[in-house]
Amino acid sequence: MMHIFAAALVVHLSNFSGAPAAIVLEAQQEVTRVYAEIDVSVEWSGAADATADGRPAIPVILLAYEGGNLRRADKQVMGAAMRTRDGSAVAYVFYRRVRAEANRYDVSTGLVLACAIAHELGHLLLPAPTHAADGLMRASWSGDEFHRAEQGRLKFLPGDVARIQAGLR
């Protein structure tokens, strides 16, 4: 099957977490697949600045654990996405939390990492509010979501797909 992608996304991943390269690669491949299903091409850039054609790369930073107020939050999170004062986007994913959730539900750590990365990128691509009642943009996942992810069935909801594609055009 040949895809003609409606939109493209450039991502620069920095691994400061100590996550094994094989797990990070598995996650990158799964994020690429998840976004390809919604006709968004993901390009993994080696540089944190703009690509050769001028598109900005979105930094995704893997950290060992969450810091600051996130450590004291009532609900533990696997990542956070934000915009800087100048409007630049950045996503953080917390590897120890990802690994703990993977172990808790007996699923692949690379897969859970992919879900966390895809979710945080979704926050940066969707206008607020970005959490959904179901699917990849659900605020917190149970074992059901992780097992659907293993089957390739944890996806963006149709309304989110349209908003992501429109925002990238």
N, C-alpha and C. Protein backbone atom coordinates (compact mmCIF):
# COMPACT_ATOMS: atom_id res chain seq x y z
N MET A 1 0.84 -1.17 0.00
CA MET A 1 0.00 0.00 0.00
C MET A 1 0.89 1.24 0.00
N MET A 2 0.58 2.18 -0.88
CA MET A 2 1.38 3.39 -0.97
C MET A 2 0.63 4.55 -0.31
N HIS A 3 1.32 5.26 0.57
CA HIS A 3 0.74 6.43 1.23
C HIS A 3 1.23 7.69 0.56
N ILE A 4 0.35 8.61 0.33
CA ILE A 4 0.74 9.97 -0.02
C ILE A 4 0.40 10.78 1.21
N PHE A 5 1.43 11.20 1.92
CA PHE A 5 1.24 11.82 3.21
C PHE A 5 0.66 13.22 3.09
N ALA A 6 -0.34 13.49 3.90
CA ALA A 6 -0.98 14.80 3.91
C ALA A 6 -0.11 15.83 4.62
N ALA A 7 0.71 15.38 5.53
CA ALA A 7 1.51 16.31 6.33
C ALA A 7 2.78 15.62 6.79
N ALA A 8 3.74 16.44 7.20
CA ALA A 8 5.01 15.90 7.68
C ALA A 8 5.36 16.53 9.02
N LEU A 9 6.02 15.76 9.84
CA LEU A 9 6.42 16.17 11.17
C LEU A 9 7.89 15.80 11.34
N VAL A 10 8.69 16.77 11.77
CA VAL A 10 10.11 16.52 11.99
C VAL A 10 10.33 16.49 13.50
N VAL A 11 10.97 15.42 13.99
CA VAL A 11 11.18 15.23 15.42
C VAL A 11 12.67 15.01 15.68
N HIS A 12 13.18 15.70 16.68
CA HIS A 12 14.55 15.49 17.13
C HIS A 12 14.49 14.88 18.52
N LEU A 13 14.95 13.63 18.65
CA LEU A 13 14.88 12.92 19.92
C LEU A 13 16.26 12.94 20.60
N SER A 14 16.28 13.39 21.84
CA SER A 14 17.50 13.38 22.66
C SER A 14 17.28 12.44 23.83
N ASN A 15 18.14 11.45 23.96
CA ASN A 15 18.01 10.45 25.01
C ASN A 15 18.99 10.76 26.15
N PHE A 16 18.49 11.44 27.18
CA PHE A 16 19.28 11.72 28.37
C PHE A 16 18.88 10.81 29.52
N SER A 17 18.11 9.76 29.20
CA SER A 17 17.52 8.91 30.23
C SER A 17 18.31 7.64 30.50
N GLY A 18 19.19 7.29 29.62
CA GLY A 18 19.86 5.99 29.74
C GLY A 18 19.06 4.85 29.14
N ALA A 19 17.95 5.17 28.46
CA ALA A 19 17.16 4.13 27.80
C ALA A 19 18.02 3.44 26.75
N PRO A 20 17.98 2.11 26.69
CA PRO A 20 18.77 1.39 25.70
C PRO A 20 18.39 1.80 24.27
N ALA A 21 19.40 1.87 23.41
CA ALA A 21 19.19 2.30 22.02
C ALA A 21 18.15 1.44 21.30
N ALA A 22 18.13 0.14 21.57
CA ALA A 22 17.17 -0.76 20.91
C ALA A 22 15.73 -0.41 21.28
N ILE A 23 15.50 -0.02 22.53
CA ILE A 23 14.15 0.37 22.98
C ILE A 23 13.75 1.69 22.34
N VAL A 24 14.68 2.62 22.27
CA VAL A 24 14.41 3.92 21.65
C VAL A 24 14.09 3.72 20.16
N LEU A 25 14.85 2.89 19.48
CA LEU A 25 14.60 2.62 18.06
C LEU A 25 13.23 1.98 17.86
N GLU A 26 12.88 1.02 18.73
CA GLU A 26 11.54 0.39 18.65
C GLU A 26 10.46 1.45 18.81
N ALA A 27 10.65 2.37 19.74
CA ALA A 27 9.67 3.43 19.97
C ALA A 27 9.57 4.34 18.75
N GLN A 28 10.70 4.72 18.18
CA GLN A 28 10.68 5.58 16.99
C GLN A 28 9.92 4.91 15.85
N GLN A 29 10.17 3.63 15.64
CA GLN A 29 9.49 2.92 14.57
C GLN A 29 7.98 2.87 14.81
N GLU A 30 7.58 2.68 16.05
CA GLU A 30 6.15 2.61 16.37
C GLU A 30 5.50 3.99 16.25
N VAL A 31 6.16 5.04 16.70
CA VAL A 31 5.62 6.40 16.53
C VAL A 31 5.44 6.69 15.04
N THR A 32 6.42 6.33 14.24
CA THR A 32 6.33 6.53 12.79
C THR A 32 5.12 5.80 12.23
N ARG A 33 4.89 4.57 12.68
CA ARG A 33 3.74 3.78 12.21
C ARG A 33 2.41 4.41 12.63
N VAL A 34 2.33 4.83 13.90
CA VAL A 34 1.08 5.41 14.42
C VAL A 34 0.71 6.67 13.62
N TYR A 35 1.70 7.52 13.37
CA TYR A 35 1.41 8.75 12.63
C TYR A 35 1.18 8.47 11.15
N ALA A 36 1.84 7.45 10.58
CA ALA A 36 1.60 7.09 9.17
C ALA A 36 0.15 6.67 8.98
N GLU A 37 -0.44 6.04 9.99
CA GLU A 37 -1.84 5.63 9.90
C GLU A 37 -2.79 6.82 9.76
N ILE A 38 -2.35 8.00 10.17
CA ILE A 38 -3.20 9.19 10.02
C ILE A 38 -2.63 10.11 8.94
N ASP A 39 -1.82 9.53 8.05
CA ASP A 39 -1.23 10.24 6.92
C ASP A 39 -0.34 11.40 7.32
N VAL A 40 0.39 11.22 8.40
CA VAL A 40 1.40 12.19 8.83
C VAL A 40 2.73 11.46 8.81
N SER A 41 3.64 11.95 7.98
CA SER A 41 4.97 11.38 7.89
C SER A 41 5.83 11.92 9.03
N VAL A 42 6.53 11.04 9.73
CA VAL A 42 7.45 11.45 10.79
C VAL A 42 8.87 11.26 10.29
N GLU A 43 9.63 12.33 10.37
CA GLU A 43 11.05 12.30 10.01
C GLU A 43 11.84 12.53 11.29
N TRP A 44 12.76 11.64 11.59
CA TRP A 44 13.59 11.75 12.79
C TRP A 44 14.86 12.48 12.41
N SER A 45 15.04 13.65 12.96
CA SER A 45 16.15 14.52 12.62
C SER A 45 17.31 14.34 13.59
N GLY A 46 18.51 14.45 13.08
CA GLY A 46 19.69 14.38 13.93
C GLY A 46 20.05 15.73 14.53
N ALA A 47 19.37 16.77 14.10
CA ALA A 47 19.67 18.12 14.59
C ALA A 47 18.44 18.73 15.25
N ALA A 48 18.66 19.49 16.29
CA ALA A 48 17.55 20.07 17.04
C ALA A 48 16.99 21.32 16.40
N ASP A 49 17.67 21.86 15.40
CA ASP A 49 17.16 23.08 14.77
C ASP A 49 16.38 22.74 13.51
N ALA A 50 16.17 23.70 12.65
CA ALA A 50 15.36 23.51 11.46
C ALA A 50 16.02 22.53 10.49
N THR A 51 15.19 21.88 9.68
CA THR A 51 15.68 20.96 8.67
C THR A 51 16.13 21.76 7.45
N ALA A 52 16.66 21.06 6.47
CA ALA A 52 17.18 21.71 5.26
C ALA A 52 16.09 22.52 4.54
N ASP A 53 14.84 22.07 4.62
CA ASP A 53 13.78 22.81 3.94
C ASP A 53 13.10 23.83 4.86
N GLY A 54 13.68 24.08 6.03
CA GLY A 54 13.20 25.14 6.90
C GLY A 54 12.15 24.74 7.92
N ARG A 55 11.67 23.51 7.86
CA ARG A 55 10.67 23.07 8.85
C ARG A 55 11.34 22.92 10.21
N PRO A 56 10.71 23.42 11.27
CA PRO A 56 11.32 23.26 12.59
C PRO A 56 11.19 21.82 13.09
N ALA A 57 12.22 21.35 13.75
CA ALA A 57 12.17 20.03 14.37
C ALA A 57 11.62 20.19 15.79
N ILE A 58 10.68 19.34 16.16
CA ILE A 58 10.13 19.36 17.52
C ILE A 58 11.05 18.53 18.40
N PRO A 59 11.63 19.13 19.44
CA PRO A 59 12.47 18.34 20.34
C PRO A 59 11.63 17.44 21.24
N VAL A 60 12.01 16.17 21.31
CA VAL A 60 11.47 15.24 22.28
C VAL A 60 12.65 14.81 23.13
N ILE A 61 12.56 15.08 24.42
CA ILE A 61 13.68 14.84 25.33
C ILE A 61 13.31 13.72 26.29
N LEU A 62 14.08 12.65 26.25
CA LEU A 62 13.88 11.54 27.17
C LEU A 62 14.72 11.81 28.41
N LEU A 63 14.04 11.89 29.55
CA LEU A 63 14.71 12.08 30.84
C LEU A 63 14.47 10.83 31.68
N ALA A 64 15.34 10.60 32.64
CA ALA A 64 15.18 9.42 33.49
C ALA A 64 13.89 9.50 34.30
N TYR A 65 13.59 10.65 34.85
CA TYR A 65 12.39 10.80 35.67
C TYR A 65 11.90 12.24 35.62
N GLU A 66 10.67 12.40 36.06
CA GLU A 66 10.04 13.72 36.08
C GLU A 66 10.65 14.56 37.20
N GLY A 67 10.66 15.83 37.02
CA GLY A 67 11.24 16.72 38.03
C GLY A 67 10.23 17.74 38.50
N GLY A 68 10.65 18.56 39.44
CA GLY A 68 9.86 19.68 39.93
C GLY A 68 8.49 19.29 40.43
N ASN A 69 7.51 20.08 40.07
CA ASN A 69 6.14 19.87 40.53
C ASN A 69 5.54 18.55 40.05
N LEU A 70 6.02 18.05 38.91
CA LEU A 70 5.48 16.78 38.41
C LEU A 70 5.78 15.61 39.35
N ARG A 71 6.86 15.70 40.10
CA ARG A 71 7.17 14.64 41.07
C ARG A 71 6.17 14.62 42.22
N ARG A 72 5.59 15.77 42.50
CA ARG A 72 4.66 15.88 43.63
C ARG A 72 3.19 15.85 43.19
N ALA A 73 2.95 15.69 41.91
CA ALA A 73 1.57 15.70 41.40
C ALA A 73 0.80 14.49 41.90
N ASP A 74 -0.51 14.67 42.08
CA ASP A 74 -1.37 13.58 42.52
C ASP A 74 -1.33 12.40 41.55
N LYS A 75 -1.42 12.71 40.26
CA LYS A 75 -1.37 11.67 39.24
C LYS A 75 0.02 11.66 38.62
N GLN A 76 0.61 10.50 38.56
CA GLN A 76 1.92 10.40 37.94
C GLN A 76 1.77 10.40 36.42
N VAL A 77 2.71 11.04 35.76
CA VAL A 77 2.64 11.16 34.32
C VAL A 77 3.89 10.55 33.68
N MET A 78 3.75 10.17 32.41
CA MET A 78 4.88 9.63 31.67
C MET A 78 5.56 10.69 30.82
N GLY A 79 4.94 11.85 30.71
CA GLY A 79 5.52 12.89 29.89
C GLY A 79 4.84 14.22 30.10
N ALA A 80 5.38 15.23 29.43
CA ALA A 80 4.82 16.58 29.48
C ALA A 80 5.18 17.28 28.18
N ALA A 81 4.28 18.10 27.70
CA ALA A 81 4.52 18.87 26.49
C ALA A 81 4.22 20.33 26.79
N MET A 82 5.02 21.20 26.21
CA MET A 82 4.81 22.63 26.46
C MET A 82 5.36 23.47 25.33
N ARG A 83 4.96 24.70 25.36
CA ARG A 83 5.50 25.69 24.42
C ARG A 83 6.27 26.72 25.23
N THR A 84 7.40 27.13 24.68
CA THR A 84 8.20 28.15 25.33
C THR A 84 7.56 29.52 25.10
N ARG A 85 8.10 30.54 25.73
CA ARG A 85 7.54 31.89 25.57
C ARG A 85 7.56 32.36 24.12
N ASP A 86 8.55 31.89 23.36
CA ASP A 86 8.60 32.31 21.95
C ASP A 86 7.76 31.40 21.04
N GLY A 87 7.04 30.45 21.62
CA GLY A 87 6.15 29.59 20.86
C GLY A 87 6.76 28.28 20.40
N SER A 88 8.03 28.05 20.72
CA SER A 88 8.67 26.79 20.35
C SER A 88 8.07 25.64 21.15
N ALA A 89 7.94 24.50 20.49
CA ALA A 89 7.37 23.32 21.14
C ALA A 89 8.47 22.41 21.66
N VAL A 90 8.20 21.76 22.78
CA VAL A 90 9.11 20.76 23.33
C VAL A 90 8.30 19.73 24.10
N ALA A 91 8.71 18.46 23.97
CA ALA A 91 8.05 17.37 24.71
C ALA A 91 9.10 16.65 25.54
N TYR A 92 8.69 16.27 26.74
CA TYR A 92 9.55 15.50 27.64
C TYR A 92 8.86 14.17 27.91
N VAL A 93 9.64 13.09 27.95
CA VAL A 93 9.11 11.78 28.31
C VAL A 93 10.02 11.21 29.39
N PHE A 94 9.40 10.64 30.43
CA PHE A 94 10.11 10.19 31.62
C PHE A 94 10.27 8.67 31.58
N TYR A 95 11.49 8.25 31.27
CA TYR A 95 11.75 6.84 30.97
C TYR A 95 11.46 5.90 32.14
N ARG A 96 11.82 6.26 33.35
CA ARG A 96 11.56 5.35 34.49
C ARG A 96 10.07 5.14 34.68
N ARG A 97 9.27 6.17 34.48
CA ARG A 97 7.82 6.02 34.58
C ARG A 97 7.31 5.13 33.46
N VAL A 98 7.82 5.32 32.24
CA VAL A 98 7.45 4.49 31.10
C VAL A 98 7.77 3.02 31.39
N ARG A 99 8.98 2.76 31.87
CA ARG A 99 9.40 1.39 32.16
C ARG A 99 8.54 0.78 33.27
N ALA A 100 8.20 1.57 34.27
CA ALA A 100 7.35 1.06 35.36
C ALA A 100 5.96 0.67 34.84
N GLU A 101 5.39 1.48 33.96
CA GLU A 101 4.07 1.16 33.40
C GLU A 101 4.15 -0.08 32.51
N ALA A 102 5.22 -0.20 31.73
CA ALA A 102 5.40 -1.38 30.89
C ALA A 102 5.49 -2.64 31.75
N ASN A 103 6.26 -2.56 32.83
CA ASN A 103 6.39 -3.70 33.74
C ASN A 103 5.07 -4.01 34.43
N ARG A 104 4.37 -2.97 34.84
CA ARG A 104 3.09 -3.13 35.54
C ARG A 104 2.08 -3.90 34.70
N TYR A 105 2.05 -3.62 33.39
CA TYR A 105 1.06 -4.24 32.51
C TYR A 105 1.65 -5.34 31.63
N ASP A 106 2.94 -5.67 31.86
CA ASP A 106 3.61 -6.74 31.13
C ASP A 106 3.53 -6.54 29.62
N VAL A 107 3.93 -5.33 29.19
CA VAL A 107 3.99 -5.00 27.76
C VAL A 107 5.38 -4.47 27.45
N SER A 108 5.66 -4.33 26.19
CA SER A 108 6.97 -3.87 25.72
C SER A 108 7.26 -2.44 26.18
N THR A 109 8.45 -2.24 26.74
CA THR A 109 8.86 -0.89 27.15
C THR A 109 8.95 0.03 25.95
N GLY A 110 9.45 -0.48 24.83
CA GLY A 110 9.54 0.34 23.62
C GLY A 110 8.17 0.78 23.14
N LEU A 111 7.19 -0.09 23.27
CA LEU A 111 5.82 0.24 22.87
C LEU A 111 5.23 1.33 23.77
N VAL A 112 5.42 1.20 25.07
CA VAL A 112 4.91 2.21 26.00
C VAL A 112 5.63 3.54 25.76
N LEU A 113 6.92 3.48 25.50
CA LEU A 113 7.67 4.70 25.16
C LEU A 113 7.10 5.34 23.91
N ALA A 114 6.79 4.54 22.91
CA ALA A 114 6.18 5.06 21.68
C ALA A 114 4.85 5.74 21.96
N CYS A 115 4.03 5.11 22.78
CA CYS A 115 2.72 5.69 23.13
C CYS A 115 2.90 7.03 23.82
N ALA A 116 3.86 7.10 24.75
CA ALA A 116 4.10 8.35 25.47
C ALA A 116 4.60 9.44 24.52
N ILE A 117 5.51 9.10 23.63
CA ILE A 117 6.02 10.09 22.66
C ILE A 117 4.90 10.55 21.74
N ALA A 118 4.13 9.60 21.19
CA ALA A 118 3.04 9.96 20.27
C ALA A 118 2.00 10.84 20.98
N HIS A 119 1.71 10.53 22.23
CA HIS A 119 0.76 11.30 23.02
C HIS A 119 1.27 12.74 23.24
N GLU A 120 2.52 12.87 23.66
CA GLU A 120 3.06 14.21 23.92
C GLU A 120 3.16 15.03 22.64
N LEU A 121 3.53 14.40 21.54
CA LEU A 121 3.51 15.10 20.25
C LEU A 121 2.09 15.55 19.92
N GLY A 122 1.12 14.69 20.24
CA GLY A 122 -0.28 15.05 20.02
C GLY A 122 -0.66 16.32 20.76
N HIS A 123 -0.18 16.48 21.98
CA HIS A 123 -0.45 17.72 22.73
C HIS A 123 0.07 18.94 21.97
N LEU A 124 1.21 18.80 21.33
CA LEU A 124 1.81 19.93 20.63
C LEU A 124 1.15 20.20 19.29
N LEU A 125 0.48 19.20 18.74
CA LEU A 125 -0.15 19.34 17.42
C LEU A 125 -1.62 19.70 17.49
N LEU A 126 -2.25 19.43 18.61
CA LEU A 126 -3.68 19.68 18.77
C LEU A 126 -3.93 20.99 19.50
N PRO A 127 -4.97 21.71 19.10
CA PRO A 127 -5.36 22.87 19.91
C PRO A 127 -6.00 22.39 21.21
N ALA A 128 -5.94 23.20 22.24
CA ALA A 128 -6.53 22.83 23.54
C ALA A 128 -8.03 22.71 23.41
N PRO A 129 -8.71 21.88 24.17
CA PRO A 129 -8.16 20.87 25.07
C PRO A 129 -7.70 19.66 24.26
N THR A 130 -6.71 18.97 24.76
CA THR A 130 -6.14 17.88 23.97
C THR A 130 -6.42 16.49 24.51
N HIS A 131 -6.83 16.34 25.75
CA HIS A 131 -7.14 15.00 26.25
C HIS A 131 -8.50 14.56 25.74
N ALA A 132 -8.61 13.27 25.47
CA ALA A 132 -9.85 12.69 24.96
C ALA A 132 -10.36 11.64 25.94
N ALA A 133 -11.60 11.24 25.76
CA ALA A 133 -12.19 10.22 26.63
C ALA A 133 -11.65 8.83 26.31
N ASP A 134 -11.08 8.66 25.13
CA ASP A 134 -10.60 7.35 24.71
C ASP A 134 -9.43 7.55 23.75
N GLY A 135 -8.74 6.47 23.46
CA GLY A 135 -7.69 6.50 22.46
C GLY A 135 -6.36 7.02 22.96
N LEU A 136 -5.51 7.34 22.01
CA LEU A 136 -4.14 7.73 22.29
C LEU A 136 -4.04 9.01 23.12
N MET A 137 -5.01 9.88 23.01
CA MET A 137 -4.97 11.15 23.75
C MET A 137 -5.73 11.09 25.07
N ARG A 138 -6.08 9.91 25.54
CA ARG A 138 -6.69 9.77 26.86
C ARG A 138 -5.67 10.21 27.92
N ALA A 139 -6.14 10.87 28.97
CA ALA A 139 -5.25 11.45 29.99
C ALA A 139 -4.44 10.39 30.71
N SER A 140 -5.05 9.28 31.08
CA SER A 140 -4.30 8.21 31.74
C SER A 140 -4.79 6.88 31.19
N TRP A 141 -3.87 5.97 31.03
CA TRP A 141 -4.17 4.70 30.40
C TRP A 141 -4.22 3.58 31.42
N SER A 142 -5.05 2.60 31.12
CA SER A 142 -5.14 1.38 31.92
C SER A 142 -4.46 0.26 31.13
N GLY A 143 -4.49 -0.92 31.69
CA GLY A 143 -3.95 -2.07 30.99
C GLY A 143 -4.62 -2.29 29.64
N ASP A 144 -5.92 -1.97 29.54
CA ASP A 144 -6.64 -2.14 28.27
C ASP A 144 -5.99 -1.34 27.15
N GLU A 145 -5.64 -0.07 27.43
CA GLU A 145 -5.01 0.76 26.40
C GLU A 145 -3.65 0.18 25.99
N PHE A 146 -2.87 -0.26 26.96
CA PHE A 146 -1.56 -0.82 26.62
C PHE A 146 -1.69 -2.10 25.81
N HIS A 147 -2.68 -2.91 26.12
CA HIS A 147 -2.86 -4.15 25.36
C HIS A 147 -3.41 -3.85 23.96
N ARG A 148 -4.24 -2.82 23.84
CA ARG A 148 -4.68 -2.39 22.49
C ARG A 148 -3.49 -1.87 21.70
N ALA A 149 -2.58 -1.17 22.37
CA ALA A 149 -1.37 -0.66 21.70
C ALA A 149 -0.54 -1.83 21.17
N GLU A 150 -0.42 -2.90 21.95
CA GLU A 150 0.33 -4.08 21.50
C GLU A 150 -0.26 -4.67 20.22
N GLN A 151 -1.55 -4.50 20.05
CA GLN A 151 -2.24 -5.03 18.87
C GLN A 151 -2.31 -3.98 17.75
N GLY A 152 -1.69 -2.83 17.96
CA GLY A 152 -1.72 -1.77 16.96
C GLY A 152 -3.06 -1.06 16.88
N ARG A 153 -3.83 -1.12 17.97
CA ARG A 153 -5.19 -0.55 17.96
C ARG A 153 -5.35 0.66 18.86
N LEU A 154 -4.30 1.19 19.46
CA LEU A 154 -4.41 2.43 20.24
C LEU A 154 -4.12 3.56 19.28
N LYS A 155 -5.14 4.34 18.98
CA LYS A 155 -5.05 5.32 17.89
C LYS A 155 -5.60 6.66 18.32
N PHE A 156 -5.38 7.64 17.46
CA PHE A 156 -6.02 8.93 17.62
C PHE A 156 -7.48 8.79 17.21
N LEU A 157 -8.36 9.54 17.89
CA LEU A 157 -9.77 9.56 17.51
C LEU A 157 -9.91 10.33 16.20
N PRO A 158 -10.95 10.05 15.40
CA PRO A 158 -11.11 10.71 14.10
C PRO A 158 -11.08 12.24 14.16
N GLY A 159 -11.71 12.83 15.16
CA GLY A 159 -11.69 14.29 15.29
C GLY A 159 -10.29 14.82 15.52
N ASP A 160 -9.50 14.08 16.30
CA ASP A 160 -8.11 14.47 16.54
C ASP A 160 -7.29 14.37 15.27
N VAL A 161 -7.54 13.34 14.48
CA VAL A 161 -6.81 13.15 13.23
C VAL A 161 -7.01 14.38 12.33
N ALA A 162 -8.26 14.79 12.17
CA ALA A 162 -8.55 15.95 11.30
C ALA A 162 -7.87 17.21 11.82
N ARG A 163 -7.88 17.40 13.14
CA ARG A 163 -7.26 18.61 13.71
C ARG A 163 -5.74 18.58 13.59
N ILE A 164 -5.13 17.41 13.75
CA ILE A 164 -3.68 17.29 13.59
C ILE A 164 -3.29 17.58 12.14
N GLN A 165 -3.98 16.96 11.20
CA GLN A 165 -3.65 17.17 9.80
C GLN A 165 -3.84 18.63 9.39
N ALA A 166 -4.92 19.24 9.86
CA ALA A 166 -5.16 20.64 9.51
C ALA A 166 -4.08 21.55 10.10
N GLY A 167 -3.64 21.25 11.31
CA GLY A 167 -2.62 22.07 11.95
C GLY A 167 -1.25 21.96 11.29
N LEU A 168 -0.97 20.82 10.66
CA LEU A 168 0.33 20.62 10.02
C LEU A 168 0.38 21.16 8.60
N ARG A 169 -0.76 21.43 8.01
CA ARG A 169 -0.77 21.95 6.63
C ARG A 169 -0.37 23.38 6.57
